[in-house]
Amino acid sequence: MDQYHLNRKIQERLSFDFELIKPMKKAVYSWNWDQVRVILDTAESRITKEDQAGQE
């Protein structure tokens, strides 16, 4: 996946929590998979019922 499409996918998937987009990009580009997991866990814990309804 090229950089443009990777950035677009990160922004699309984390659109409900803009605070996590920049740290996610930084973690991915530095190959820090432990940090990626932490960010994904944080994102999952921040999902609200409204976000889930919008995703379906």
Protein backbone atom coordinates (compact mmCIF):
# COMPACT_ATOMS: atom_id res chain seq x y z
CA MET A 1 0.00 0.00 0.00
CA ASP A 2 1.45 3.37 -0.92
CA GLN A 3 1.69 6.31 1.48
CA TYR A 4 -1.29 8.19 0.05
CA HIS A 5 -3.68 5.25 0.43
CA LEU A 6 -2.31 4.35 3.85
CA ASN A 7 -2.90 7.90 5.11
CA ARG A 8 -6.38 7.90 3.63
CA LYS A 9 -7.25 4.56 5.26
CA ILE A 10 -5.97 5.69 8.68
CA GLN A 11 -8.02 8.89 8.45
CA GLU A 12 -11.09 6.96 7.32
CA ARG A 13 -10.90 4.38 10.11
CA LEU A 14 -10.14 6.89 12.88
CA SER A 15 -12.51 9.61 11.68
CA PHE A 16 -14.48 9.40 14.93
CA ASP A 17 -11.42 10.38 17.01
CA PHE A 18 -9.13 12.90 15.31
CA GLU A 19 -6.71 12.91 18.27
CA LEU A 20 -5.52 9.42 17.36
CA ILE A 21 -4.76 9.99 13.68
CA LYS A 22 -1.37 11.68 14.08
CA PRO A 23 -0.04 9.22 16.70
CA MET A 24 -1.22 6.31 14.54
CA LYS A 25 0.61 7.63 11.49
CA LYS A 26 3.75 8.18 13.56
CA ALA A 27 3.59 4.65 14.99
CA VAL A 28 3.03 3.04 11.58
CA TYR A 29 5.82 4.96 9.86
CA SER A 30 8.27 4.15 12.67
CA TRP A 31 7.28 0.44 12.53
CA ASN A 32 6.28 0.55 16.21
CA TRP A 33 3.66 -2.20 16.24
CA ASP A 34 3.32 -2.17 20.03
CA GLN A 35 2.28 1.48 19.83
CA VAL A 36 -0.12 0.68 16.97
CA ARG A 37 -1.81 -1.90 19.21
CA VAL A 38 -2.06 0.61 22.07
CA ILE A 39 -3.66 3.20 19.77
CA LEU A 40 -6.10 0.63 18.38
CA ASP A 41 -7.05 -0.44 21.91
CA THR A 42 -7.58 3.21 22.83
CA ALA A 43 -9.70 3.78 19.73
CA GLU A 44 -11.79 0.72 20.50
CA SER A 45 -12.42 1.91 24.05
CA ARG A 46 -13.50 5.36 22.79
CA ILE A 47 -16.09 4.08 20.32
CA THR A 48 -19.57 5.14 21.36
CA LYS A 49 -22.88 3.59 20.47
CA GLU A 50 -23.49 6.42 17.99
CA ASP A 51 -20.18 5.66 16.26
CA GLN A 52 -21.09 1.98 16.02
CA ALA A 53 -24.51 2.79 14.55
CA GLY A 54 -22.89 5.07 11.96
CA GLN A 55 -20.40 2.38 10.93
CA GLU A 56 -23.13 -0.18 10.23
